[in-house]
Amino acid sequence: MRPILAFLILCAPAWPQRFLSDDPLDREPRPRPVAKALNRKFSDYYDFISLQFGELAQKQPKKGPPIRALAVNTLGEPMDGAWYEKRHYSRRMSIDELKRGPGQDTPPQGNEWTVIGAKSEGITPGFVILDSRKRRYFIKFDPLTNPEMATSADSISSRLFYALGYHVPQNFIVYFNIEQLKLGEDVQLADKTGKKRSMTNRDLYEILVKVPRTSDGKYRATASTALPGKPVGPPRYYGTRKDDPNDTVPHEHRRDLRGLHVVSAWLGHDDSRAINNLDALVTENGIPHLKHYLLDFGSTLGSASQKANSIRSGAYLFSWKESAVQLFTLGLAPPYYAFAKYRYFPSIGYIEGDVFDPDKWVPEYPNPAFLNRLPDDEFWAAKQVMALRDEEIRAIITTGELSDPEAADYLAQVLIKRRDRIGKTYFAKVLPFDRFSLNGGSLAWEDLGKTYSTGAVADARITWHTFDNQTGKLAPIPAAASAKVPDSNGYIAAEITAPSRPKQNIFVYLRTQGTAKIVGIDRNW
């Protein structure tokens, strides 16, 4: 395997050769060891103010060619590694795998759980426990006003994000009695001023007074397994970590983070901010390195964690443009989300699928990676979302253990509608062809617009070119206008176009020395 410079090859357009002998890479290059990573903490207020009113990230230029996504292989796919791993779209997971989510762990075990840490602030406080096996779990609750809401959202969304390729913790829904809890020795609790003191049993009771109980008197909670390794703070959605030698691509230009806009829009994850992610220093294959996780999904699927989500979810908390529109029209030009009609279930909160527009959806405040997304980033994420079938979405929803079957069915209908809107929106921006292969000496592909009934492209045409791997120059191959691969002993490229979509095309690059192999894909619009 090539050294870490190989990773930079994927990011450097001026490299002498477009394709190297081992392209396309399936995994990121072997990471360089991280000797020490500093544990950093972000202020949520600073994050909001700096991103709402500042310009900390590199933006797409207003003129000239756009900044294409980096940290991808020559096929345009994020590689398996510290940020992402190909899952359901690339290898269909079984229903059991989808419901299980990450890892092979189990919920907390034993009849006695030892509380070793806690937080009492907020409407939905929580604590940290060790179960009978001495395994650590973070315990989080629903608000009194909305039993089942945040815990079901955490369980369902974590499994959906995992199926789509992201690294997430294992989340379980658990039920317990207060008698199962034992206060550990010298547990510290921060008061309202931030000053720490020893926690007492009364503090534990006061935490549990703030959360709902089931009809049989038990407490329902999310038990989130502690991530492996040493937590070292969250990654930002822009720039890189200076203490991570493997973090070479500005986060605002990573395809897996740009495409995260589409997934967050689908699940209503408007709380998708840096503070809800985490970097952990882990050791894998004997090499210490940073691994990047998404976490805290209690504010998804209609939930705002501590209450039902706002009916204006999907809009910025503050926007100069929207404020000006409302001011100068005296409120007579309502935003798109104002036309949404919600069917309210306390166990779900507010989410709908009829007015939902993934292109207009935004998180609570600007996210640099989301704002830098391009149509090929959106297509990459949309095909992951569309790969989840109706029955698979419904199966994952069962892990939320919603006691009202009508609520569970409504949530499934909404997610299916939002999924289909995503496919229709983003498959229209580029030619929706994927899964390219060589079959009997011909180039073949799947029209995802046809597969998912968002609009088939019936007039696709193909022309062939020689490709100079040193200069990047293309030269037409006369009379080569079918799917059959022309005879060649070098690099060639198939240009796929469609008169019904005159601005869109795809170039598929083949290496033909020996056995022909697809080595690259470019999408244009």
Protein backbone atom coordinates (compact mmCIF):
# COMPACT_ATOMS: atom_id res chain seq x y z
CA MET A 1 0.00 0.00 0.00
CA ARG A 2 1.26 3.46 -0.82
CA PRO A 3 2.22 5.93 1.95
CA ILE A 4 -0.04 8.73 3.13
CA LEU A 5 0.97 10.84 0.10
CA ALA A 6 -1.30 8.55 -1.89
CA PHE A 7 -4.23 10.04 -0.05
CA LEU A 8 -3.16 13.49 -1.21
CA ILE A 9 -3.10 12.27 -4.80
CA LEU A 10 -6.86 12.08 -4.62
CA CYS A 11 -6.95 15.73 -3.70
CA ALA A 12 -4.36 17.13 -6.15
CA PRO A 13 -5.70 17.85 -9.66
CA ALA A 14 -2.24 18.72 -11.02
CA TRP A 15 -0.67 15.31 -10.35
CA PRO A 16 1.23 13.96 -13.43
CA GLN A 17 -0.93 10.86 -13.71
CA ARG A 18 -4.69 10.86 -13.30
CA PHE A 19 -4.86 7.15 -12.47
CA LEU A 20 -2.30 5.00 -10.68
CA SER A 21 -1.87 1.25 -10.93
CA ASP A 22 -3.96 0.42 -7.84
CA ASP A 23 -6.85 2.79 -8.52
CA PRO A 24 -9.61 2.82 -7.49
CA LEU A 25 -8.78 2.58 -3.80
CA ASP A 26 -11.41 0.94 -1.62
CA ARG A 27 -9.97 1.97 1.75
CA GLU A 28 -8.10 5.02 2.95
CA PRO A 29 -4.32 4.54 3.08
CA ARG A 30 -2.87 3.10 6.26
CA PRO A 31 -3.09 5.91 8.85
CA ARG A 32 -0.04 7.57 10.35
CA PRO A 33 0.18 7.03 14.12
CA VAL A 34 -1.23 9.82 16.26
CA ALA A 35 1.15 10.23 19.17
CA LYS A 36 -1.04 12.66 21.09
CA ALA A 37 -4.37 14.34 20.47
CA LEU A 38 -5.51 17.20 22.66
CA ASN A 39 -8.98 17.00 24.17
CA ARG A 40 -10.69 20.13 22.93
CA LYS A 41 -14.04 21.57 23.94
CA PHE A 42 -16.25 23.87 21.90
CA SER A 43 -18.63 26.49 23.12
CA ASP A 44 -22.03 25.98 21.51
CA TYR A 45 -22.56 29.74 21.63
CA TYR A 46 -19.25 30.45 19.91
CA ASP A 47 -20.03 27.85 17.25
CA PHE A 48 -23.39 29.49 16.56
CA ILE A 49 -22.09 33.07 16.46
CA SER A 50 -18.97 32.30 14.43
CA LEU A 51 -20.84 30.30 11.78
CA GLN A 52 -23.94 32.50 11.71
CA PHE A 53 -22.04 35.76 11.31
CA GLY A 54 -18.44 34.82 10.46
CA GLU A 55 -16.65 33.30 7.45
CA LEU A 56 -14.34 30.60 8.80
CA ALA A 57 -14.53 28.09 5.95
CA GLN A 58 -13.58 28.15 2.29
CA LYS A 59 -16.72 28.73 0.22
CA GLN A 60 -17.59 27.76 -3.32
CA PRO A 61 -16.38 30.50 -5.69
CA LYS A 62 -19.05 32.71 -7.21
CA LYS A 63 -17.30 32.53 -10.58
CA GLY A 64 -15.21 29.85 -12.20
CA PRO A 65 -15.14 26.11 -11.63
CA PRO A 66 -16.52 24.82 -8.33
CA ILE A 67 -14.43 23.14 -5.66
CA ARG A 68 -15.15 19.46 -6.15
CA ALA A 69 -15.41 17.14 -3.17
CA LEU A 70 -12.18 15.63 -1.87
CA ALA A 71 -11.39 12.57 0.25
CA VAL A 72 -12.87 10.33 -2.44
CA ASN A 73 -11.39 7.67 -4.68
CA THR A 74 -11.23 7.95 -8.47
CA LEU A 75 -14.82 6.66 -8.69
CA GLY A 76 -15.98 9.59 -6.59
CA GLU A 77 -16.74 7.40 -3.57
CA PRO A 78 -15.66 8.06 0.03
CA MET A 79 -13.30 5.30 1.10
CA ASP A 80 -13.69 3.05 4.10
CA GLY A 81 -11.80 4.50 7.02
CA ALA A 82 -11.90 6.85 9.97
CA TRP A 83 -14.87 8.91 8.73
CA TYR A 84 -17.04 6.55 6.75
CA GLU A 85 -17.60 2.94 5.70
CA LYS A 86 -19.59 1.63 2.75
CA ARG A 87 -22.62 -0.31 3.96
CA HIS A 88 -26.20 -0.78 2.78
CA TYR A 89 -25.96 0.71 -0.71
CA SER A 90 -22.80 -1.23 -1.52
CA ARG A 91 -23.68 -4.44 0.32
CA ARG A 92 -27.31 -4.93 1.24
CA MET A 93 -27.70 -5.51 4.94
CA SER A 94 -30.28 -7.97 6.24
CA ILE A 95 -33.24 -6.81 8.31
CA ASP A 96 -31.53 -8.19 11.41
CA GLU A 97 -28.33 -6.27 10.62
CA LEU A 98 -30.25 -3.06 10.04
CA LYS A 99 -32.08 -3.44 13.36
CA ARG A 100 -28.93 -4.35 15.25
CA GLY A 101 -26.94 -1.36 14.03
CA PRO A 102 -23.27 -1.00 14.97
CA GLY A 103 -21.35 -3.65 16.86
CA GLN A 104 -22.34 -6.80 18.65
CA ASP A 105 -22.77 -5.39 22.13
CA THR A 106 -25.89 -5.70 24.29
CA PRO A 107 -27.83 -3.32 26.57
CA PRO A 108 -26.69 -2.90 30.17
CA GLN A 109 -26.68 -6.23 32.01
CA GLY A 110 -27.37 -7.20 35.60
CA ASN A 111 -29.77 -6.16 38.35
CA GLU A 112 -27.47 -3.47 39.70
CA TRP A 113 -26.11 -0.50 37.76
CA THR A 114 -23.53 1.77 39.37
CA VAL A 115 -23.95 5.48 38.71
CA ILE A 116 -20.48 6.98 38.17
CA GLY A 117 -21.37 10.39 36.72
CA ALA A 118 -24.39 12.60 36.18
CA LYS A 119 -25.72 15.89 34.92
CA SER A 120 -28.72 17.52 36.55
CA GLU A 121 -29.15 20.57 34.35
CA GLY A 122 -31.77 20.76 31.60
CA ILE A 123 -35.24 19.34 31.28
CA THR A 124 -33.97 15.88 30.34
CA PRO A 125 -30.87 15.20 32.47
CA GLY A 126 -28.98 11.93 32.56
CA PHE A 127 -26.13 9.98 34.07
CA VAL A 128 -23.37 7.49 33.35
CA ILE A 129 -23.45 3.91 34.63
CA LEU A 130 -21.36 0.78 34.82
CA ASP A 131 -23.38 -2.42 34.40
CA SER A 132 -22.59 -5.77 36.01
CA ARG A 133 -19.84 -6.36 33.41
CA LYS A 134 -18.23 -2.99 34.20
CA ARG A 135 -19.22 -1.64 30.80
CA ARG A 136 -19.93 2.06 30.57
CA TYR A 137 -23.22 3.47 29.24
CA PHE A 138 -24.62 6.98 28.95
CA ILE A 139 -28.25 7.09 30.11
CA LYS A 140 -30.57 9.69 28.55
CA PHE A 141 -34.30 10.24 29.02
CA ASP A 142 -37.43 11.59 27.40
CA PRO A 143 -38.99 14.88 28.55
CA LEU A 144 -42.01 14.65 30.81
CA THR A 145 -44.19 16.17 28.09
CA ASN A 146 -43.26 13.61 25.43
CA PRO A 147 -42.66 10.07 26.68
CA GLU A 148 -40.86 7.83 24.15
CA MET A 149 -40.02 10.72 21.78
CA ALA A 150 -36.29 11.38 22.25
CA THR A 151 -35.40 7.77 23.10
CA SER A 152 -37.13 6.39 20.01
CA ALA A 153 -35.51 9.07 17.80
CA ASP A 154 -32.08 8.18 19.19
CA SER A 155 -32.59 4.48 18.55
CA ILE A 156 -34.05 4.81 15.05
CA SER A 157 -31.77 7.52 13.69
CA SER A 158 -28.56 5.95 14.97
CA ARG A 159 -29.38 2.79 13.00
CA LEU A 160 -30.29 4.75 9.86
CA PHE A 161 -27.07 6.77 10.00
CA TYR A 162 -25.15 3.53 10.51
CA ALA A 163 -26.80 1.85 7.51
CA LEU A 164 -25.85 4.88 5.42
CA GLY A 165 -22.19 4.44 6.34
CA TYR A 166 -21.45 6.75 9.28
CA HIS A 167 -19.74 5.77 12.52
CA VAL A 168 -22.18 6.00 15.45
CA PRO A 169 -22.47 4.64 19.00
CA GLN A 170 -24.67 1.68 19.90
CA ASN A 171 -27.96 2.94 21.32
CA PHE A 172 -30.45 0.75 23.19
CA ILE A 173 -33.81 1.44 24.77
CA VAL A 174 -33.85 0.15 28.35
CA TYR A 175 -36.36 -0.02 31.20
CA PHE A 176 -35.33 -0.11 34.86
CA ASN A 177 -36.46 0.46 38.41
CA ILE A 178 -34.80 2.91 40.75
CA GLU A 179 -33.79 -0.03 42.96
CA GLN A 180 -31.36 -1.10 40.20
CA LEU A 181 -29.29 2.05 40.66
CA LYS A 182 -26.40 2.25 43.09
CA LEU A 183 -24.48 5.47 43.60
CA GLY A 184 -20.74 4.98 43.13
CA GLU A 185 -18.05 6.39 45.36
CA ASP A 186 -17.28 10.10 45.22
CA VAL A 187 -19.48 10.83 42.18
CA GLN A 188 -19.21 14.52 41.27
CA LEU A 189 -22.19 16.62 40.22
CA ALA A 190 -22.03 20.17 38.85
CA ASP A 191 -24.57 22.62 40.24
CA LYS A 192 -26.22 25.47 38.34
CA THR A 193 -23.11 27.62 38.68
CA GLY A 194 -20.83 24.87 37.36
CA LYS A 195 -19.27 24.18 40.74
CA LYS A 196 -18.81 20.48 41.43
CA ARG A 197 -19.75 18.69 44.62
CA SER A 198 -20.31 15.13 45.79
CA MET A 199 -23.50 13.59 44.48
CA THR A 200 -26.06 12.16 46.91
CA ASN A 201 -28.94 9.74 46.57
CA ARG A 202 -31.27 12.71 46.82
CA ASP A 203 -29.65 14.18 43.70
CA LEU A 204 -30.33 10.91 41.90
CA TYR A 205 -33.98 10.99 42.94
CA GLU A 206 -34.29 14.61 41.82
CA ILE A 207 -32.98 13.67 38.38
CA LEU A 208 -35.55 10.92 38.03
CA VAL A 209 -38.39 13.19 39.13
CA LYS A 210 -37.85 15.15 35.91
CA VAL A 211 -38.42 12.21 33.57
CA PRO A 212 -41.53 10.16 32.71
CA ARG A 213 -42.32 6.64 33.92
CA THR A 214 -44.08 3.83 32.12
CA SER A 215 -47.48 2.51 33.17
CA ASP A 216 -45.80 -0.17 35.30
CA GLY A 217 -43.66 2.40 37.11
CA LYS A 218 -40.37 1.82 35.27
CA TYR A 219 -38.07 4.39 33.77
CA ARG A 220 -37.47 4.26 30.02
CA ALA A 221 -34.14 5.56 28.72
CA THR A 222 -31.58 5.43 25.95
CA ALA A 223 -28.46 3.51 26.98
CA SER A 224 -25.63 4.59 24.69
CA THR A 225 -22.51 2.43 24.83
CA ALA A 226 -19.33 4.38 25.54
CA LEU A 227 -17.28 4.67 22.37
CA PRO A 228 -13.95 2.82 22.21
CA GLY A 229 -10.78 4.77 22.74
CA LYS A 230 -10.14 8.15 24.32
CA PRO A 231 -12.58 11.00 23.56
CA VAL A 232 -10.71 14.08 22.29
CA GLY A 233 -13.54 16.46 21.46
CA PRO A 234 -15.64 17.09 18.36
CA PRO A 235 -14.47 17.73 14.79
CA ARG A 236 -15.58 20.99 13.19
CA TYR A 237 -17.39 21.15 9.86
CA TYR A 238 -14.54 23.20 8.43
CA GLY A 239 -10.75 23.12 8.46
CA THR A 240 -8.68 20.25 9.83
CA ARG A 241 -7.30 19.11 13.18
CA LYS A 242 -3.69 20.22 13.57
CA ASP A 243 -2.99 17.34 15.97
CA ASP A 244 -4.13 14.72 13.44
CA PRO A 245 -1.57 14.00 10.68
CA ASN A 246 -4.22 12.03 8.78
CA ASP A 247 -6.68 14.92 8.65
CA THR A 248 -5.47 16.49 5.39
CA VAL A 249 -8.73 17.47 3.69
CA PRO A 250 -10.66 20.56 4.87
CA HIS A 251 -13.88 19.23 6.34
CA GLU A 252 -16.03 21.57 4.27
CA HIS A 253 -14.77 19.70 1.19
CA ARG A 254 -15.31 16.12 2.36
CA ARG A 255 -18.00 14.33 0.35
CA ASP A 256 -19.21 12.35 3.36
CA LEU A 257 -19.80 15.62 5.26
CA ARG A 258 -21.22 17.57 2.32
CA GLY A 259 -23.62 14.72 1.60
CA LEU A 260 -24.59 14.62 5.26
CA HIS A 261 -26.89 17.56 4.48
CA VAL A 262 -29.14 15.21 2.51
CA VAL A 263 -29.30 12.62 5.28
CA SER A 264 -29.85 15.27 7.97
CA ALA A 265 -32.67 16.79 5.91
CA TRP A 266 -34.29 13.36 5.54
CA LEU A 267 -34.25 12.71 9.28
CA GLY A 268 -34.94 16.27 10.39
CA HIS A 269 -31.56 16.43 12.13
CA ASP A 270 -31.52 20.22 12.44
CA ASP A 271 -29.24 19.93 15.46
CA SER A 272 -26.43 18.65 13.22
CA ARG A 273 -23.70 20.80 14.70
CA ALA A 274 -20.08 20.13 15.65
CA ILE A 275 -20.81 19.67 19.34
CA ASN A 276 -22.97 16.63 18.53
CA ASN A 277 -20.05 14.76 16.98
CA LEU A 278 -16.96 13.26 18.59
CA ASP A 279 -13.39 12.32 17.71
CA ALA A 280 -11.92 9.37 19.60
CA LEU A 281 -8.29 8.23 19.74
CA VAL A 282 -8.52 4.51 18.99
CA THR A 283 -5.96 1.81 18.24
CA GLU A 284 -6.75 -0.42 15.27
CA ASN A 285 -4.28 -2.87 13.73
CA GLY A 286 -1.73 -1.60 16.23
CA ILE A 287 -1.94 2.02 15.02
CA PRO A 288 -3.34 4.80 17.24
CA HIS A 289 -5.41 7.22 15.15
CA LEU A 290 -8.52 9.38 15.35
CA LYS A 291 -11.93 8.01 14.42
CA HIS A 292 -14.86 10.34 13.80
CA TYR A 293 -18.36 9.66 15.13
CA LEU A 294 -21.82 11.19 14.80
CA LEU A 295 -23.83 11.03 18.02
CA ASP A 296 -26.77 12.50 19.95
CA PHE A 297 -29.77 11.84 17.72
CA GLY A 298 -32.43 12.81 20.26
CA SER A 299 -33.19 15.88 18.13
CA THR A 300 -34.36 14.05 15.01
CA LEU A 301 -37.63 12.72 13.59
CA GLY A 302 -39.80 15.46 15.06
CA SER A 303 -38.05 15.57 18.44
CA ALA A 304 -36.06 18.48 19.83
CA SER A 305 -34.82 16.28 22.68
CA GLN A 306 -36.30 18.36 25.47
CA LYS A 307 -39.58 19.05 23.69
CA ALA A 308 -41.33 18.45 20.38
CA ASN A 309 -39.51 20.08 17.50
CA SER A 310 -40.60 23.49 16.25
CA ILE A 311 -42.95 23.56 13.28
CA ARG A 312 -40.39 25.85 11.63
CA SER A 313 -37.74 23.13 11.85
CA GLY A 314 -35.66 23.12 8.69
CA ALA A 315 -35.04 26.88 8.81
CA TYR A 316 -32.20 28.85 10.36
CA LEU A 317 -32.78 30.21 13.84
CA PHE A 318 -31.86 33.56 12.31
CA SER A 319 -31.57 34.66 8.70
CA TRP A 320 -30.98 38.19 7.41
CA LYS A 321 -32.72 37.32 4.16
CA GLU A 322 -35.83 35.81 5.72
CA SER A 323 -36.04 38.59 8.29
CA ALA A 324 -35.87 41.19 5.53
CA VAL A 325 -38.54 39.43 3.48
CA GLN A 326 -40.89 39.27 6.44
CA LEU A 327 -40.20 42.91 7.31
CA PHE A 328 -40.77 44.39 3.85
CA THR A 329 -43.78 42.20 3.02
CA LEU A 330 -45.33 42.72 6.45
CA GLY A 331 -45.44 38.97 6.87
CA LEU A 332 -47.47 38.43 3.66
CA ALA A 333 -44.80 36.17 2.08
CA PRO A 334 -44.73 33.18 4.42
CA PRO A 335 -41.80 30.74 4.10
CA TYR A 336 -42.42 27.34 2.55
CA TYR A 337 -42.54 25.48 5.86
CA ALA A 338 -45.48 27.62 6.99
CA PHE A 339 -47.72 25.60 4.64
CA ALA A 340 -46.91 22.29 6.31
CA LYS A 341 -49.68 20.42 8.10
CA TYR A 342 -48.65 18.18 10.97
CA ARG A 343 -50.32 15.22 12.52
CA TYR A 344 -49.14 15.37 16.09
CA PHE A 345 -48.14 12.39 18.21
CA PRO A 346 -46.46 13.10 21.60
CA SER A 347 -44.11 10.17 21.00
CA ILE A 348 -42.90 11.66 17.70
CA GLY A 349 -43.22 15.43 17.82
CA TYR A 350 -43.48 17.48 14.64
CA ILE A 351 -42.33 16.05 11.30
CA GLU A 352 -44.10 15.83 7.96
CA GLY A 353 -43.42 14.71 4.41
CA ASP A 354 -45.77 16.64 2.13
CA VAL A 355 -44.19 20.11 2.12
CA PHE A 356 -40.66 18.89 2.88
CA ASP A 357 -38.09 20.20 0.38
CA PRO A 358 -34.55 18.83 0.89
CA ASP A 359 -33.03 21.67 -1.14
CA LYS A 360 -34.61 24.33 1.09
CA TRP A 361 -34.09 22.47 4.36
CA VAL A 362 -31.27 23.83 6.55
CA PRO A 363 -30.08 23.07 10.10
CA GLU A 364 -30.48 25.56 12.93
CA TYR A 365 -27.51 27.61 11.77
CA PRO A 366 -25.11 27.53 8.79
CA ASN A 367 -22.99 24.42 8.32
CA PRO A 368 -19.96 25.03 6.02
CA ALA A 369 -19.86 21.48 4.67
CA PHE A 370 -23.58 21.52 3.87
CA LEU A 371 -23.28 24.89 2.12
CA ASN A 372 -20.42 23.66 -0.08
CA ARG A 373 -22.32 20.68 -1.44
CA LEU A 374 -22.58 20.20 -5.20
CA PRO A 375 -25.02 18.11 -7.27
CA ASP A 376 -22.63 15.13 -7.31
CA ASP A 377 -22.36 15.28 -3.51
CA GLU A 378 -26.16 15.32 -3.28
CA PHE A 379 -26.49 12.43 -5.74
CA TRP A 380 -24.01 10.35 -3.75
CA ALA A 381 -26.01 10.83 -0.53
CA ALA A 382 -29.40 10.49 -2.22
CA LYS A 383 -28.56 7.07 -3.64
CA GLN A 384 -27.65 5.88 -0.14
CA VAL A 385 -31.00 7.09 1.23
CA MET A 386 -33.01 5.68 -1.68
CA ALA A 387 -31.46 2.24 -1.16
CA LEU A 388 -33.50 1.80 2.04
CA ARG A 389 -36.72 0.06 1.08
CA ASP A 390 -40.10 0.65 2.69
CA GLU A 391 -40.00 -2.58 4.67
CA GLU A 392 -36.45 -1.85 5.87
CA ILE A 393 -37.43 1.60 7.13
CA ARG A 394 -40.42 0.10 8.95
CA ALA A 395 -38.22 -2.58 10.50
CA ILE A 396 -35.75 -0.02 11.83
CA ILE A 397 -38.63 2.03 13.27
CA THR A 398 -39.60 -0.96 15.43
CA THR A 399 -36.33 -0.46 17.36
CA GLY A 400 -37.83 2.78 18.67
CA GLU A 401 -40.40 0.70 20.61
CA LEU A 402 -43.24 3.16 20.05
CA SER A 403 -46.22 1.90 22.03
CA ASP A 404 -48.74 3.54 19.67
CA PRO A 405 -48.82 1.56 16.38
CA GLU A 406 -50.55 4.48 14.68
CA ALA A 407 -47.63 6.75 15.57
CA ALA A 408 -45.11 4.23 14.25
CA ASP A 409 -47.04 3.88 11.00
CA TYR A 410 -47.25 7.66 10.58
CA LEU A 411 -43.51 8.02 11.11
CA ALA A 412 -42.84 5.33 8.48
CA GLN A 413 -45.11 7.08 5.98
CA VAL A 414 -43.35 10.40 6.57
CA LEU A 415 -39.83 8.96 6.17
CA ILE A 416 -40.86 7.16 2.99
CA LYS A 417 -42.32 10.38 1.54
CA ARG A 418 -39.22 12.37 2.48
CA ARG A 419 -36.97 9.66 1.04
CA ASP A 420 -38.83 9.73 -2.28
CA ARG A 421 -38.68 13.54 -2.40
CA ILE A 422 -34.91 13.31 -1.94
CA GLY A 423 -34.57 10.92 -4.88
CA LYS A 424 -36.79 13.02 -7.12
CA THR A 425 -34.92 16.23 -6.23
CA TYR A 426 -31.34 15.07 -6.52
CA PHE A 427 -31.59 12.46 -9.29
CA ALA A 428 -32.78 15.31 -11.52
CA LYS A 429 -29.57 17.32 -11.07
CA VAL A 430 -27.18 14.78 -12.60
CA LEU A 431 -27.60 11.78 -14.86
CA PRO A 432 -28.71 9.21 -12.25
CA PHE A 433 -26.60 6.35 -13.59
CA ASP A 434 -24.55 4.24 -11.21
CA ARG A 435 -23.23 0.73 -10.52
CA PHE A 436 -21.18 0.79 -13.72
CA SER A 437 -19.82 -2.60 -14.79
CA LEU A 438 -18.35 -4.47 -17.74
CA ASN A 439 -20.62 -7.21 -19.00
CA GLY A 440 -19.60 -9.37 -21.97
CA GLY A 441 -17.27 -6.72 -23.33
CA SER A 442 -19.83 -3.93 -22.99
CA LEU A 443 -20.28 -1.09 -20.53
CA ALA A 444 -23.42 -1.46 -18.41
CA TRP A 445 -25.02 0.62 -15.69
CA GLU A 446 -28.16 1.03 -13.60
CA ASP A 447 -30.52 3.96 -14.14
CA LEU A 448 -31.44 4.79 -10.54
CA GLY A 449 -34.21 7.07 -11.81
CA LYS A 450 -35.84 4.00 -13.34
CA THR A 451 -35.08 1.75 -10.36
CA TYR A 452 -36.70 4.12 -7.88
CA SER A 453 -39.37 5.55 -10.22
CA THR A 454 -38.12 9.13 -10.00
CA GLY A 455 -37.77 9.52 -13.77
CA ALA A 456 -35.97 7.18 -16.15
CA VAL A 457 -33.54 8.58 -18.72
CA ALA A 458 -34.67 6.86 -21.90
CA ASP A 459 -32.41 8.65 -24.42
CA ALA A 460 -28.93 7.94 -23.08
CA ARG A 461 -26.15 7.93 -25.68
CA ILE A 462 -22.54 6.85 -25.49
CA THR A 463 -19.38 7.91 -27.34
CA TRP A 464 -15.82 6.72 -26.76
CA HIS A 465 -12.52 8.56 -26.46
CA THR A 466 -8.91 7.68 -25.92
CA PHE A 467 -7.57 9.17 -22.71
CA ASP A 468 -4.00 10.32 -22.11
CA ASN A 469 -3.29 9.44 -18.47
CA GLN A 470 -0.39 11.92 -18.35
CA THR A 471 -2.02 15.01 -19.87
CA GLY A 472 -5.72 14.31 -19.33
CA LYS A 473 -6.48 14.90 -23.03
CA LEU A 474 -9.39 13.13 -24.70
CA ALA A 475 -9.57 12.21 -28.42
CA PRO A 476 -12.72 10.78 -30.08
CA ILE A 477 -12.62 7.17 -31.31
CA PRO A 478 -14.33 7.16 -34.74
CA ALA A 479 -17.48 5.03 -35.11
CA ALA A 480 -17.43 4.00 -31.45
CA ALA A 481 -20.97 4.87 -30.38
CA SER A 482 -22.33 1.80 -28.63
CA ALA A 483 -21.89 0.20 -25.25
CA LYS A 484 -19.32 -2.21 -26.67
CA VAL A 485 -15.85 -1.41 -25.36
CA PRO A 486 -13.49 -0.49 -28.25
CA ASP A 487 -10.24 -2.35 -28.67
CA SER A 488 -7.48 -0.52 -26.86
CA ASN A 489 -4.31 -1.05 -24.87
CA GLY A 490 -4.28 1.95 -22.59
CA TYR A 491 -6.91 4.24 -21.11
CA ILE A 492 -10.22 5.06 -22.74
CA ALA A 493 -13.28 7.02 -21.61
CA ALA A 494 -16.98 6.57 -22.32
CA GLU A 495 -18.96 9.81 -22.43
CA ILE A 496 -22.63 9.25 -21.59
CA THR A 497 -25.10 11.98 -22.52
CA ALA A 498 -28.85 12.38 -22.95
CA PRO A 499 -30.52 14.96 -25.23
CA SER A 500 -33.30 15.33 -22.67
CA ARG A 501 -30.67 16.59 -20.21
CA PRO A 502 -28.28 18.62 -22.38
CA LYS A 503 -26.09 19.99 -19.57
CA GLN A 504 -25.48 16.66 -17.86
CA ASN A 505 -22.94 13.99 -18.75
CA ILE A 506 -20.83 11.28 -17.20
CA PHE A 507 -17.32 10.18 -18.15
CA VAL A 508 -16.45 6.58 -17.25
CA TYR A 509 -12.72 5.80 -17.51
CA LEU A 510 -11.37 2.31 -18.26
CA ARG A 511 -7.88 0.85 -18.04
CA THR A 512 -7.65 -1.70 -20.87
CA GLN A 513 -4.18 -3.18 -20.42
CA GLY A 514 -4.82 -6.86 -19.76
CA THR A 515 -8.31 -7.29 -18.27
CA ALA A 516 -10.36 -4.13 -18.76
CA LYS A 517 -11.31 -2.36 -15.53
CA ILE A 518 -13.36 0.72 -14.65
CA VAL A 519 -11.02 3.09 -12.83
CA GLY A 520 -12.75 6.47 -12.75
CA ILE A 521 -16.06 8.35 -12.96
CA ASP A 522 -16.68 12.08 -13.47
CA ARG A 523 -20.16 13.62 -13.27
CA ASN A 524 -20.91 16.99 -14.85
CA TRP A 525 -24.00 19.17 -14.90
